[in-house]
Amino acid sequence: MLQVHTCVSVHCDRCRDALGGPLVQAHYRTEKAALDAATAQRWRTGPGQRLLCSACAPVLTCDAQDHDFSTWRHPVTANGHPAPSEYRHCWRCCRLESRPATHNDHDGGDLR
């Protein structure tokens, strides 16, 4: 028996991932149901009505509005000495930056 099914699926316009996951693509009866499901999974509508998955939306927000970095962190090695580098990350998109440590008496940074 052959059956024709018409359904709607959602794909990210940036990375092309499907709503539902890399191995399972979700299918919906209507566009509204698909968009409601995408919204529930933190997908966003970007410029030009592009649909963006929950991983890509923050990256594009940072591209448009700049990053929301934590303060610089000064790690300590296992033997208690200051590490040779320090780091910070973007609270929104998780971008990580590092630089040579300045080794001032900083308390380790904002844990927010």
PDB file of N, CA and C in Angstrom:
ATOM      1  N   MET A   1       0.841  -1.162   0.000  1.00  0.00           N
ATOM      2  CA  MET A   1       0.000   0.000   0.000  1.00  0.00           C
ATOM      3  C   MET A   1       0.897   1.239   0.000  1.00  0.00           C
ATOM      4  N   LEU A   2       0.558   2.198  -0.802  1.00  0.00           N
ATOM      5  CA  LEU A   2       1.245   3.479  -0.824  1.00  0.00           C
ATOM      6  C   LEU A   2       0.380   4.513  -0.127  1.00  0.00           C
ATOM      7  N   GLN A   3       1.023   5.309   0.700  1.00  0.00           N
ATOM      8  CA  GLN A   3       0.326   6.401   1.368  1.00  0.00           C
ATOM      9  C   GLN A   3       1.146   7.669   1.182  1.00  0.00           C
ATOM     10  N   VAL A   4       0.491   8.743   0.868  1.00  0.00           N
ATOM     11  CA  VAL A   4       1.155  10.036   0.740  1.00  0.00           C
ATOM     12  C   VAL A   4       0.897  10.822   2.014  1.00  0.00           C
ATOM     13  N   HIS A   5       1.965  11.315   2.610  1.00  0.00           N
ATOM     14  CA  HIS A   5       1.861  12.114   3.826  1.00  0.00           C
ATOM     15  C   HIS A   5       2.414  13.500   3.530  1.00  0.00           C
ATOM     16  N   THR A   6       1.690  14.495   3.900  1.00  0.00           N
ATOM     17  CA  THR A   6       2.166  15.865   3.786  1.00  0.00           C
ATOM     18  C   THR A   6       2.397  16.375   5.198  1.00  0.00           C
ATOM     19  N   CYS A   7       3.604  16.853   5.436  1.00  0.00           N
ATOM     20  CA  CYS A   7       3.934  17.327   6.770  1.00  0.00           C
ATOM     21  C   CYS A   7       4.902  18.502   6.668  1.00  0.00           C
ATOM     22  N   VAL A   8       5.202  19.078   7.807  1.00  0.00           N
ATOM     23  CA  VAL A   8       6.105  20.221   7.894  1.00  0.00           C
ATOM     24  C   VAL A   8       7.254  19.849   8.817  1.00  0.00           C
ATOM     25  N   SER A   9       8.472  20.168   8.405  1.00  0.00           N
ATOM     26  CA  SER A   9       9.636  20.010   9.276  1.00  0.00           C
ATOM     27  C   SER A   9      10.343  21.356   9.364  1.00  0.00           C
ATOM     28  N   VAL A  10      11.182  21.513  10.363  1.00  0.00           N
ATOM     29  CA  VAL A  10      11.858  22.784  10.618  1.00  0.00           C
ATOM     30  C   VAL A  10      13.362  22.561  10.545  1.00  0.00           C
ATOM     31  N   HIS A  11      14.047  23.429   9.794  1.00  0.00           N
ATOM     32  CA  HIS A  11      15.507  23.365   9.669  1.00  0.00           C
ATOM     33  C   HIS A  11      16.088  24.748   9.931  1.00  0.00           C
ATOM     34  N   CYS A  12      17.236  24.789  10.576  1.00  0.00           N
ATOM     35  CA  CYS A  12      17.921  26.047  10.848  1.00  0.00           C
ATOM     36  C   CYS A  12      18.466  26.611   9.536  1.00  0.00           C
ATOM     37  N   ASP A  13      18.203  27.888   9.288  1.00  0.00           N
ATOM     38  CA  ASP A  13      18.687  28.531   8.070  1.00  0.00           C
ATOM     39  C   ASP A  13      20.184  28.808   8.102  1.00  0.00           C
ATOM     40  N   ARG A  14      20.821  28.633   9.244  1.00  0.00           N
ATOM     41  CA  ARG A  14      22.263  28.876   9.331  1.00  0.00           C
ATOM     42  C   ARG A  14      23.050  27.565   9.267  1.00  0.00           C
ATOM     43  N   CYS A  15      22.749  26.615  10.150  1.00  0.00           N
ATOM     44  CA  CYS A  15      23.532  25.370  10.212  1.00  0.00           C
ATOM     45  C   CYS A  15      22.838  24.194   9.536  1.00  0.00           C
ATOM     46  N   ARG A  16      21.568  24.348   9.186  1.00  0.00           N
ATOM     47  CA  ARG A  16      20.758  23.334   8.501  1.00  0.00           C
ATOM     48  C   ARG A  16      20.331  22.172   9.393  1.00  0.00           C
ATOM     49  N   ASP A  17      20.601  22.219  10.697  1.00  0.00           N
ATOM     50  CA  ASP A  17      20.126  21.163  11.596  1.00  0.00           C
ATOM     51  C   ASP A  17      18.602  21.170  11.634  1.00  0.00           C
ATOM     52  N   ALA A  18      18.034  19.995  11.855  1.00  0.00           N
ATOM     53  CA  ALA A  18      16.578  19.858  11.921  1.00  0.00           C
ATOM     54  C   ALA A  18      16.107  19.923  13.366  1.00  0.00           C
ATOM     55  N   LEU A  19      14.923  20.469  13.566  1.00  0.00           N
ATOM     56  CA  LEU A  19      14.294  20.432  14.876  1.00  0.00           C
ATOM     57  C   LEU A  19      13.998  18.974  15.197  1.00  0.00           C
ATOM     58  N   GLY A  20      14.399  18.548  16.361  1.00  0.00           N
ATOM     59  CA  GLY A  20      14.231  17.158  16.753  1.00  0.00           C
ATOM     60  C   GLY A  20      15.571  16.508  17.037  1.00  0.00           C
ATOM     61  N   GLY A  21      16.630  16.967  16.402  1.00  0.00           N
ATOM     62  CA  GLY A  21      17.957  16.436  16.645  1.00  0.00           C
ATOM     63  C   GLY A  21      18.622  15.944  15.383  1.00  0.00           C
ATOM     64  N   PRO A  22      19.915  15.631  15.481  1.00  0.00           N
ATOM     65  CA  PRO A  22      20.659  15.227  14.292  1.00  0.00           C
ATOM     66  C   PRO A  22      20.226  13.877  13.714  1.00  0.00           C
ATOM     67  N   LEU A  23      19.673  13.002  14.533  1.00  0.00           N
ATOM     68  CA  LEU A  23      19.291  11.675  14.054  1.00  0.00           C
ATOM     69  C   LEU A  23      17.789  11.511  13.845  1.00  0.00           C
ATOM     70  N   VAL A  24      17.004  12.403  14.428  1.00  0.00           N
ATOM     71  CA  VAL A  24      15.548  12.293  14.334  1.00  0.00           C
ATOM     72  C   VAL A  24      14.974  13.646  13.939  1.00  0.00           C
ATOM     73  N   GLN A  25      14.385  13.702  12.777  1.00  0.00           N
ATOM     74  CA  GLN A  25      13.758  14.935  12.308  1.00  0.00           C
ATOM     75  C   GLN A  25      12.284  14.909  12.681  1.00  0.00           C
ATOM     76  N   ALA A  26      11.838  15.917  13.401  1.00  0.00           N
ATOM     77  CA  ALA A  26      10.433  15.986  13.814  1.00  0.00           C
ATOM     78  C   ALA A  26       9.562  16.458  12.651  1.00  0.00           C
ATOM     79  N   HIS A  27       8.355  15.926  12.577  1.00  0.00           N
ATOM     80  CA  HIS A  27       7.391  16.292  11.535  1.00  0.00           C
ATOM     81  C   HIS A  27       6.105  16.764  12.202  1.00  0.00           C
ATOM     82  N   TYR A  28       5.480  17.781  11.603  1.00  0.00           N
ATOM     83  CA  TYR A  28       4.278  18.383  12.174  1.00  0.00           C
ATOM     84  C   TYR A  28       3.199  18.483  11.112  1.00  0.00           C
ATOM     85  N   ARG A  29       1.946  18.486  11.561  1.00  0.00           N
ATOM     86  CA  ARG A  29       0.810  18.546  10.631  1.00  0.00           C
ATOM     87  C   ARG A  29       0.632  19.928  10.004  1.00  0.00           C
ATOM     88  N   THR A  30       0.976  20.984  10.755  1.00  0.00           N
ATOM     89  CA  THR A  30       0.762  22.344  10.253  1.00  0.00           C
ATOM     90  C   THR A  30       2.004  23.197  10.484  1.00  0.00           C
ATOM     91  N   GLU A  31       2.091  24.301   9.749  1.00  0.00           N
ATOM     92  CA  GLU A  31       3.191  25.244   9.961  1.00  0.00           C
ATOM     93  C   GLU A  31       3.128  25.834  11.364  1.00  0.00           C
ATOM     94  N   LYS A  32       1.928  26.137  11.836  1.00  0.00           N
ATOM     95  CA  LYS A  32       1.782  26.695  13.180  1.00  0.00           C
ATOM     96  C   LYS A  32       2.307  25.726  14.233  1.00  0.00           C
ATOM     97  N   ALA A  33       1.979  24.455  14.105  1.00  0.00           N
ATOM     98  CA  ALA A  33       2.467  23.458  15.064  1.00  0.00           C
ATOM     99  C   ALA A  33       3.990  23.370  15.019  1.00  0.00           C
ATOM    100  N   ALA A  34       4.563  23.435  13.819  1.00  0.00           N
ATOM    101  CA  ALA A  34       6.021  23.380  13.673  1.00  0.00           C
ATOM    102  C   ALA A  34       6.674  24.606  14.308  1.00  0.00           C
ATOM    103  N   LEU A  35       6.128  25.791  14.047  1.00  0.00           N
ATOM    104  CA  LEU A  35       6.688  27.014  14.621  1.00  0.00           C
ATOM    105  C   LEU A  35       6.513  27.056  16.134  1.00  0.00           C
ATOM    106  N   ASP A  36       5.385  26.571  16.640  1.00  0.00           N
ATOM    107  CA  ASP A  36       5.181  26.500  18.092  1.00  0.00           C
ATOM    108  C   ASP A  36       6.212  25.574  18.737  1.00  0.00           C
ATOM    109  N   ALA A  37       6.477  24.438  18.104  1.00  0.00           N
ATOM    110  CA  ALA A  37       7.471  23.497  18.628  1.00  0.00           C
ATOM    111  C   ALA A  37       8.867  24.112  18.591  1.00  0.00           C
ATOM    112  N   ALA A  38       9.186  24.817  17.511  1.00  0.00           N
ATOM    113  CA  ALA A  38      10.497  25.463  17.401  1.00  0.00           C
ATOM    114  C   ALA A  38      10.661  26.529  18.482  1.00  0.00           C
ATOM    115  N   THR A  39       9.630  27.312  18.705  1.00  0.00           N
ATOM    116  CA  THR A  39       9.676  28.346  19.740  1.00  0.00           C
ATOM    117  C   THR A  39       9.867  27.723  21.117  1.00  0.00           C
ATOM    118  N   ALA A  40       9.203  26.613  21.373  1.00  0.00           N
ATOM    119  CA  ALA A  40       9.338  25.920  22.661  1.00  0.00           C
ATOM    120  C   ALA A  40      10.757  25.405  22.875  1.00  0.00           C
ATOM    121  N   GLN A  41      11.483  25.142  21.784  1.00  0.00           N
ATOM    122  CA  GLN A  41      12.862  24.662  21.871  1.00  0.00           C
ATOM    123  C   GLN A  41      13.876  25.801  21.740  1.00  0.00           C
ATOM    124  N   ARG A  42      13.412  27.039  21.930  1.00  0.00           N
ATOM    125  CA  ARG A  42      14.247  28.246  21.923  1.00  0.00           C
ATOM    126  C   ARG A  42      14.811  28.593  20.550  1.00  0.00           C
ATOM    127  N   TRP A  43      14.149  28.191  19.483  1.00  0.00           N
ATOM    128  CA  TRP A  43      14.519  28.656  18.155  1.00  0.00           C
ATOM    129  C   TRP A  43      14.006  30.077  18.010  1.00  0.00           C
ATOM    130  N   ARG A  44      14.660  30.869  17.159  1.00  0.00           N
ATOM    131  CA  ARG A  44      14.290  32.267  16.965  1.00  0.00           C
ATOM    132  C   ARG A  44      14.159  32.596  15.485  1.00  0.00           C
ATOM    133  N   THR A  45      13.422  33.645  15.209  1.00  0.00           N
ATOM    134  CA  THR A  45      13.325  34.164  13.852  1.00  0.00           C
ATOM    135  C   THR A  45      14.336  35.284  13.723  1.00  0.00           C
ATOM    136  N   GLY A  46      15.232  35.153  12.746  1.00  0.00           N
ATOM    137  CA  GLY A  46      16.273  36.149  12.541  1.00  0.00           C
ATOM    138  C   GLY A  46      15.935  37.097  11.408  1.00  0.00           C
ATOM    139  N   PRO A  47      16.942  37.847  10.946  1.00  0.00           N
ATOM    140  CA  PRO A  47      16.724  38.794   9.850  1.00  0.00           C
ATOM    141  C   PRO A  47      16.152  38.089   8.621  1.00  0.00           C
ATOM    142  N   GLY A  48      15.206  38.733   7.957  1.00  0.00           N
ATOM    143  CA  GLY A  48      14.609  38.147   6.760  1.00  0.00           C
ATOM    144  C   GLY A  48      13.744  36.939   7.040  1.00  0.00           C
ATOM    145  N   GLN A  49      13.210  36.846   8.266  1.00  0.00           N
ATOM    146  CA  GLN A  49      12.348  35.722   8.671  1.00  0.00           C
ATOM    147  C   GLN A  49      13.071  34.382   8.634  1.00  0.00           C
ATOM    148  N   ARG A  50      14.382  34.393   8.799  1.00  0.00           N
ATOM    149  CA  ARG A  50      15.148  33.147   8.854  1.00  0.00           C
ATOM    150  C   ARG A  50      14.902  32.466  10.193  1.00  0.00           C
ATOM    151  N   LEU A  51      14.772  31.148  10.188  1.00  0.00           N
ATOM    152  CA  LEU A  51      14.627  30.382  11.425  1.00  0.00           C
ATOM    153  C   LEU A  51      16.011  29.966  11.888  1.00  0.00           C
ATOM    154  N   LEU A  52      16.295  30.208  13.166  1.00  0.00           N
ATOM    155  CA  LEU A  52      17.607  29.917  13.724  1.00  0.00           C
ATOM    156  C   LEU A  52      17.455  29.009  14.934  1.00  0.00           C
ATOM    157  N   CYS A  53      18.239  27.933  14.978  1.00  0.00           N
ATOM    158  CA  CYS A  53      18.177  26.992  16.099  1.00  0.00           C
ATOM    159  C   CYS A  53      18.714  27.646  17.369  1.00  0.00           C
ATOM    160  N   SER A  54      18.540  26.976  18.479  1.00  0.00           N
ATOM    161  CA  SER A  54      18.944  27.538  19.764  1.00  0.00           C
ATOM    162  C   SER A  54      20.453  27.696  19.875  1.00  0.00           C
ATOM    163  N   ALA A  55      21.237  27.006  19.040  1.00  0.00           N
ATOM    164  CA  ALA A  55      22.694  27.185  19.041  1.00  0.00           C
ATOM    165  C   ALA A  55      23.116  28.362  18.173  1.00  0.00           C
ATOM    166  N   CYS A  56      22.459  28.572  17.052  1.00  0.00           N
ATOM    167  CA  CYS A  56      22.846  29.634  16.115  1.00  0.00           C
ATOM    168  C   CYS A  56      22.306  31.007  16.490  1.00  0.00           C
ATOM    169  N   ALA A  57      21.149  31.077  17.100  1.00  0.00           N
ATOM    170  CA  ALA A  57      20.545  32.377  17.427  1.00  0.00           C
ATOM    171  C   ALA A  57      21.460  33.236  18.304  1.00  0.00           C
ATOM    172  N   PRO A  58      22.078  32.689  19.370  1.00  0.00           N
ATOM    173  CA  PRO A  58      22.957  33.529  20.181  1.00  0.00           C
ATOM    174  C   PRO A  58      24.187  34.025  19.414  1.00  0.00           C
ATOM    175  N   VAL A  59      24.705  33.224  18.506  1.00  0.00           N
ATOM    176  CA  VAL A  59      25.870  33.635  17.718  1.00  0.00           C
ATOM    177  C   VAL A  59      25.525  34.859  16.877  1.00  0.00           C
ATOM    178  N   LEU A  60      24.363  34.842  16.228  1.00  0.00           N
ATOM    179  CA  LEU A  60      23.961  35.979  15.408  1.00  0.00           C
ATOM    180  C   LEU A  60      23.644  37.203  16.262  1.00  0.00           C
ATOM    181  N   THR A  61      23.115  36.985  17.462  1.00  0.00           N
ATOM    182  CA  THR A  61      22.880  38.106  18.368  1.00  0.00           C
ATOM    183  C   THR A  61      24.204  38.764  18.732  1.00  0.00           C
ATOM    184  N   CYS A  62      25.219  37.968  19.011  1.00  0.00           N
ATOM    185  CA  CYS A  62      26.536  38.525  19.328  1.00  0.00           C
ATOM    186  C   CYS A  62      27.144  39.231  18.119  1.00  0.00           C
ATOM    187  N   ASP A  63      26.934  38.701  16.922  1.00  0.00           N
ATOM    188  CA  ASP A  63      27.419  39.377  15.717  1.00  0.00           C
ATOM    189  C   ASP A  63      26.806  40.772  15.599  1.00  0.00           C
ATOM    190  N   ALA A  64      25.532  40.897  15.946  1.00  0.00           N
ATOM    191  CA  ALA A  64      24.829  42.173  15.802  1.00  0.00           C
ATOM    192  C   ALA A  64      25.052  43.117  16.984  1.00  0.00           C
ATOM    193  N   GLN A  65      25.165  42.570  18.199  1.00  0.00           N
ATOM    194  CA  GLN A  65      25.205  43.405  19.405  1.00  0.00           C
ATOM    195  C   GLN A  65      26.510  43.308  20.176  1.00  0.00           C
ATOM    196  N   ASP A  66      27.461  42.544  19.702  1.00  0.00           N
ATOM    197  CA  ASP A  66      28.734  42.270  20.354  1.00  0.00           C
ATOM    198  C   ASP A  66      28.532  41.247  21.482  1.00  0.00           C
ATOM    199  N   HIS A  67      29.627  40.744  21.984  1.00  0.00           N
ATOM    200  CA  HIS A  67      29.594  39.691  23.000  1.00  0.00           C
ATOM    201  C   HIS A  67      29.314  40.266  24.389  1.00  0.00           C
ATOM    202  N   ASP A  68      28.833  39.411  25.264  1.00  0.00           N
ATOM    203  CA  ASP A  68      28.586  39.744  26.664  1.00  0.00           C
ATOM    204  C   ASP A  68      29.586  38.933  27.492  1.00  0.00           C
ATOM    205  N   PHE A  69      30.828  39.421  27.549  1.00  0.00           N
ATOM    206  CA  PHE A  69      31.904  38.653  28.173  1.00  0.00           C
ATOM    207  C   PHE A  69      31.872  38.718  29.692  1.00  0.00           C
ATOM    208  N   SER A  70      32.311  37.629  30.303  1.00  0.00           N
ATOM    209  CA  SER A  70      32.568  37.604  31.738  1.00  0.00           C
ATOM    210  C   SER A  70      33.841  38.418  31.981  1.00  0.00           C
ATOM    211  N   THR A  71      34.179  38.639  33.232  1.00  0.00           N
ATOM    212  CA  THR A  71      35.466  39.267  33.527  1.00  0.00           C
ATOM    213  C   THR A  71      36.564  38.246  33.247  1.00  0.00           C
ATOM    214  N   TRP A  72      37.784  38.732  33.109  1.00  0.00           N
ATOM    215  CA  TRP A  72      38.909  37.824  32.881  1.00  0.00           C
ATOM    216  C   TRP A  72      39.108  36.949  34.111  1.00  0.00           C
ATOM    217  N   ARG A  73      39.304  35.653  33.891  1.00  0.00           N
ATOM    218  CA  ARG A  73      39.520  34.679  34.970  1.00  0.00           C
ATOM    219  C   ARG A  73      41.001  34.337  35.031  1.00  0.00           C
ATOM    220  N   HIS A  74      41.521  34.196  36.236  1.00  0.00           N
ATOM    221  CA  HIS A  74      42.930  33.895  36.448  1.00  0.00           C
ATOM    222  C   HIS A  74      43.047  32.526  37.116  1.00  0.00           C
ATOM    223  N   PRO A  75      43.170  31.459  36.331  1.00  0.00           N
ATOM    224  CA  PRO A  75      43.235  30.125  36.936  1.00  0.00           C
ATOM    225  C   PRO A  75      44.537  29.907  37.707  1.00  0.00           C
ATOM    226  N   VAL A  76      44.486  28.938  38.584  1.00  0.00           N
ATOM    227  CA  VAL A  76      45.639  28.542  39.386  1.00  0.00           C
ATOM    228  C   VAL A  76      45.936  27.087  39.059  1.00  0.00           C
ATOM    229  N   THR A  77      47.215  26.742  38.946  1.00  0.00           N
ATOM    230  CA  THR A  77      47.599  25.364  38.639  1.00  0.00           C
ATOM    231  C   THR A  77      47.379  24.474  39.858  1.00  0.00           C
ATOM    232  N   ALA A  78      47.539  23.177  39.676  1.00  0.00           N
ATOM    233  CA  ALA A  78      47.316  22.210  40.757  1.00  0.00           C
ATOM    234  C   ALA A  78      48.247  22.451  41.943  1.00  0.00           C
ATOM    235  N   ASN A  79      49.435  23.001  41.690  1.00  0.00           N
ATOM    236  CA  ASN A  79      50.362  23.252  42.801  1.00  0.00           C
ATOM    237  C   ASN A  79      50.210  24.660  43.385  1.00  0.00           C
ATOM    238  N   GLY A  80      49.143  25.368  43.008  1.00  0.00           N
ATOM    239  CA  GLY A  80      48.839  26.654  43.611  1.00  0.00           C
ATOM    240  C   GLY A  80      49.464  27.864  42.954  1.00  0.00           C
ATOM    241  N   HIS A  81      50.171  27.687  41.854  1.00  0.00           N
ATOM    242  CA  HIS A  81      50.798  28.814  41.162  1.00  0.00           C
ATOM    243  C   HIS A  81      49.851  29.393  40.118  1.00  0.00           C
ATOM    244  N   PRO A  82      49.965  30.682  39.852  1.00  0.00           N
ATOM    245  CA  PRO A  82      49.122  31.279  38.811  1.00  0.00           C
ATOM    246  C   PRO A  82      49.410  30.653  37.446  1.00  0.00           C
ATOM    247  N   ALA A  83      48.375  30.401  36.692  1.00  0.00           N
ATOM    248  CA  ALA A  83      48.536  29.844  35.341  1.00  0.00           C
ATOM    249  C   ALA A  83      49.128  30.918  34.425  1.00  0.00           C
ATOM    250  N   PRO A  84      49.769  30.499  33.330  1.00  0.00           N
ATOM    251  CA  PRO A  84      50.395  31.470  32.427  1.00  0.00           C
ATOM    252  C   PRO A  84      49.401  32.243  31.558  1.00  0.00           C
ATOM    253  N   SER A  85      48.139  31.860  31.583  1.00  0.00           N
ATOM    254  CA  SER A  85      47.151  32.579  30.777  1.00  0.00           C
ATOM    255  C   SER A  85      45.878  32.785  31.589  1.00  0.00           C
ATOM    256  N   GLU A  86      45.067  33.701  31.117  1.00  0.00           N
ATOM    257  CA  GLU A  86      43.772  33.957  31.731  1.00  0.00           C
ATOM    258  C   GLU A  86      42.724  33.878  30.635  1.00  0.00           C
ATOM    259  N   TYR A  87      41.472  33.755  31.030  1.00  0.00           N
ATOM    260  CA  TYR A  87      40.430  33.564  30.028  1.00  0.00           C
ATOM    261  C   TYR A  87      39.134  34.256  30.442  1.00  0.00           C
ATOM    262  N   ARG A  88      38.250  34.398  29.459  1.00  0.00           N
ATOM    263  CA  ARG A  88      36.895  34.887  29.684  1.00  0.00           C
ATOM    264  C   ARG A  88      35.994  34.226  28.648  1.00  0.00           C
ATOM    265  N   HIS A  89      34.695  34.240  28.901  1.00  0.00           N
ATOM    266  CA  HIS A  89      33.759  33.641  27.944  1.00  0.00           C
ATOM    267  C   HIS A  89      32.542  34.545  27.779  1.00  0.00           C
ATOM    268  N   CYS A  90      31.873  34.381  26.654  1.00  0.00           N
ATOM    269  CA  CYS A  90      30.639  35.127  26.394  1.00  0.00           C
ATOM    270  C   CYS A  90      29.488  34.375  27.052  1.00  0.00           C
ATOM    271  N   TRP A  91      28.721  35.082  27.845  1.00  0.00           N
ATOM    272  CA  TRP A  91      27.577  34.475  28.530  1.00  0.00           C
ATOM    273  C   TRP A  91      26.502  34.034  27.550  1.00  0.00           C
ATOM    274  N   ARG A  92      26.472  34.661  26.375  1.00  0.00           N
ATOM    275  CA  ARG A  92      25.404  34.402  25.413  1.00  0.00           C
ATOM    276  C   ARG A  92      25.745  33.239  24.485  1.00  0.00           C
ATOM    277  N   CYS A  93      26.904  33.290  23.825  1.00  0.00           N
ATOM    278  CA  CYS A  93      27.218  32.299  22.787  1.00  0.00           C
ATOM    279  C   CYS A  93      28.344  31.348  23.176  1.00  0.00           C
ATOM    280  N   CYS A  94      28.922  31.521  24.363  1.00  0.00           N
ATOM    281  CA  CYS A  94      29.969  30.640  24.905  1.00  0.00           C
ATOM    282  C   CYS A  94      31.330  30.793  24.221  1.00  0.00           C
ATOM    283  N   ARG A  95      31.538  31.864  23.458  1.00  0.00           N
ATOM    284  CA  ARG A  95      32.854  32.092  22.856  1.00  0.00           C
ATOM    285  C   ARG A  95      33.875  32.229  23.978  1.00  0.00           C
ATOM    286  N   LEU A  96      35.026  31.594  23.795  1.00  0.00           N
ATOM    287  CA  LEU A  96      36.091  31.616  24.791  1.00  0.00           C
ATOM    288  C   LEU A  96      37.270  32.400  24.243  1.00  0.00           C
ATOM    289  N   GLU A  97      37.837  33.291  25.059  1.00  0.00           N
ATOM    290  CA  GLU A  97      39.034  34.041  24.695  1.00  0.00           C
ATOM    291  C   GLU A  97      40.070  33.843  25.783  1.00  0.00           C
ATOM    292  N   SER A  98      41.336  33.853  25.382  1.00  0.00           N
ATOM    293  CA  SER A  98      42.418  33.763  26.356  1.00  0.00           C
ATOM    294  C   SER A  98      43.505  34.758  25.975  1.00  0.00           C
ATOM    295  N   ARG A  99      44.356  35.060  26.942  1.00  0.00           N
ATOM    296  CA  ARG A  99      45.486  35.969  26.724  1.00  0.00           C
ATOM    297  C   ARG A  99      46.538  35.646  27.773  1.00  0.00           C
ATOM    298  N   PRO A 100      47.773  36.103  27.564  1.00  0.00           N
ATOM    299  CA  PRO A 100      48.782  35.896  28.607  1.00  0.00           C
ATOM    300  C   PRO A 100      48.325  36.562  29.903  1.00  0.00           C
ATOM    301  N   ALA A 101      48.573  35.903  30.999  1.00  0.00           N
ATOM    302  CA  ALA A 101      48.115  36.402  32.299  1.00  0.00           C
ATOM    303  C   ALA A 101      48.851  37.669  32.690  1.00  0.00           C
ATOM    304  N   THR A 102      48.145  38.568  33.353  1.00  0.00           N
ATOM    305  CA  THR A 102      48.753  39.790  33.869  1.00  0.00           C
ATOM    306  C   THR A 102      49.228  39.590  35.300  1.00  0.00           C
ATOM    307  N   HIS A 103      48.773  38.547  35.959  1.00  0.00           N
ATOM    308  CA  HIS A 103      49.167  38.172  37.326  1.00  0.00           C
ATOM    309  C   HIS A 103      49.022  39.294  38.334  1.00  0.00           C
ATOM    310  N   ASN A 104      47.897  40.002  38.264  1.00  0.00           N
ATOM    311  CA  ASN A 104      47.616  40.956  39.333  1.00  0.00           C
ATOM    312  C   ASN A 104      46.894  40.206  40.448  1.00  0.00           C
ATOM    313  N   ASP A 105      46.533  40.873  41.484  1.00  0.00           N
ATOM    314  CA  ASP A 105      45.894  40.210  42.629  1.00  0.00           C
ATOM    315  C   ASP A 105      44.385  40.152  42.459  1.00  0.00           C
ATOM    316  N   HIS A 106      43.942  39.674  41.347  1.00  0.00           N
ATOM    317  CA  HIS A 106      42.512  39.582  41.053  1.00  0.00           C
ATOM    318  C   HIS A 106      41.930  38.369  41.758  1.00  0.00           C
ATOM    319  N   ASP A 107      40.666  38.420  42.101  1.00  0.00           N
ATOM    320  CA  ASP A 107      40.030  37.342  42.871  1.00  0.00           C
ATOM    321  C   ASP A 107      39.521  36.185  42.030  1.00  0.00           C
ATOM    322  N   GLY A 108      39.712  36.211  40.717  1.00  0.00           N
ATOM    323  CA  GLY A 108      39.265  35.093  39.902  1.00  0.00           C
ATOM    324  C   GLY A 108      38.121  35.421  38.983  1.00  0.00           C
ATOM    325  N   GLY A 109      37.492  36.553  39.147  1.00  0.00           N
ATOM    326  CA  GLY A 109      36.481  36.958  38.176  1.00  0.00           C
ATOM    327  C   GLY A 109      35.057  36.825  38.658  1.00  0.00           C
ATOM    328  N   ASP A 110      34.202  37.305  37.837  1.00  0.00           N
ATOM    329  CA  ASP A 110      32.766  37.336  38.105  1.00  0.00           C
ATOM    330  C   ASP A 110      32.147  35.978  37.799  1.00  0.00           C
ATOM    331  N   LEU A 111      31.548  35.353  38.775  1.00  0.00           N
ATOM    332  CA  LEU A 111      30.922  34.050  38.567  1.00  0.00           C
ATOM    333  C   LEU A 111      29.467  34.170  38.165  1.00  0.00           C
ATOM    334  N   ARG A 112      28.917  35.339  38.258  1.00  0.00           N
ATOM    335  CA  ARG A 112      27.523  35.641  37.899  1.00  0.00           C
ATOM    336  C   ARG A 112      26.641  34.495  38.219  1.00  0.00           C
TER     337      ARG A 112
END
